[in-house]
Amino acid sequence: MNGASTNCFDNAVMESWFSTVKRELGEHFESCGQAKMELFDYIEVFYNQQRRHSTLGQISPAEFERRRNTLAA
């Protein structure tokens, strides 16, 4: 921290994300391996590619990146 004061909202985004994961995927798995596979699929296949995000104008992060890269080209 180096003496810096903390803000109660520092972790708000991550806390919100973890809440979403628990709600949509669950929090109990048969094994660590199963948890890793399901979390990878959730993040890489669903969350980034398909799930619409209100902060991105109801499009997926992948679509947001495609549009941004198209505009930058």
Protein backbone atom coordinates (compact mmCIF):
# COMPACT_ATOMS: atom_id res chain seq x y z
CA MET A 1 0.00 0.00 0.00
CA ASN A 2 2.92 2.37 0.58
CA GLY A 3 0.86 4.43 3.02
CA ALA A 4 -1.80 5.25 0.44
CA SER A 5 -5.33 5.45 1.75
CA THR A 6 -7.66 2.81 0.42
CA ASN A 7 -10.97 3.35 -1.28
CA CYS A 8 -13.92 1.13 -0.37
CA PHE A 9 -14.66 0.79 -4.10
CA ASP A 10 -11.22 -0.61 -5.02
CA ASN A 11 -12.53 -4.17 -5.21
CA ALA A 12 -16.07 -3.38 -6.35
CA VAL A 13 -15.54 -4.56 -9.93
CA MET A 14 -13.95 -7.87 -8.91
CA GLU A 15 -16.52 -8.47 -6.17
CA SER A 16 -19.26 -7.93 -8.74
CA TRP A 17 -17.55 -10.32 -11.18
CA PHE A 18 -17.15 -13.05 -8.55
CA SER A 19 -20.80 -12.63 -7.60
CA THR A 20 -21.80 -13.06 -11.25
CA VAL A 21 -19.65 -16.18 -11.63
CA LYS A 22 -21.11 -17.75 -8.49
CA ARG A 23 -24.65 -16.95 -9.59
CA GLU A 24 -24.27 -18.15 -13.20
CA LEU A 25 -21.82 -21.06 -12.76
CA GLY A 26 -22.11 -22.08 -9.13
CA GLU A 27 -19.42 -22.46 -6.53
CA HIS A 28 -19.21 -26.21 -5.85
CA PHE A 29 -17.32 -28.61 -8.09
CA GLU A 30 -16.40 -32.29 -7.84
CA SER A 31 -12.68 -31.58 -8.18
CA CYS A 32 -10.15 -28.84 -8.72
CA GLY A 33 -9.71 -30.03 -12.31
CA GLN A 34 -13.43 -29.78 -12.99
CA ALA A 35 -13.48 -26.27 -11.50
CA LYS A 36 -10.59 -25.20 -13.75
CA MET A 37 -12.26 -26.59 -16.88
CA GLU A 38 -15.66 -25.10 -16.11
CA LEU A 39 -14.21 -21.71 -15.20
CA PHE A 40 -12.10 -21.66 -18.38
CA ASP A 41 -15.15 -22.52 -20.50
CA TYR A 42 -17.27 -19.94 -18.69
CA ILE A 43 -14.73 -17.15 -19.14
CA GLU A 44 -13.36 -17.90 -22.61
CA VAL A 45 -16.42 -19.38 -24.32
CA PHE A 46 -19.38 -17.68 -22.67
CA TYR A 47 -18.39 -14.58 -20.70
CA ASN A 48 -16.01 -13.04 -23.26
CA GLN A 49 -17.63 -14.31 -26.47
CA GLN A 50 -21.37 -14.40 -25.86
CA ARG A 51 -22.50 -12.71 -22.65
CA ARG A 52 -23.75 -9.18 -23.23
CA HIS A 53 -22.39 -6.52 -20.88
CA SER A 54 -24.38 -3.44 -19.98
CA THR A 55 -21.21 -1.33 -19.62
CA LEU A 56 -20.33 -2.14 -23.26
CA GLY A 57 -23.68 -1.21 -24.75
CA GLN A 58 -25.16 -4.73 -24.49
CA ILE A 59 -22.48 -6.41 -26.60
CA SER A 60 -19.90 -9.03 -25.64
CA PRO A 61 -16.30 -8.08 -24.84
CA ALA A 62 -15.18 -9.93 -27.98
CA GLU A 63 -17.59 -7.91 -30.15
CA PHE A 64 -16.46 -4.71 -28.45
CA GLU A 65 -12.83 -5.53 -29.31
CA ARG A 66 -13.73 -6.41 -32.92
CA ARG A 67 -15.54 -3.09 -33.35
CA ARG A 68 -12.70 -1.14 -31.70
CA ASN A 69 -10.11 -2.81 -33.93
CA THR A 70 -12.21 -2.16 -37.04
CA LEU A 71 -12.46 1.54 -36.19
CA ALA A 72 -8.72 1.74 -35.48
CA ALA A 73 -7.79 0.16 -38.82
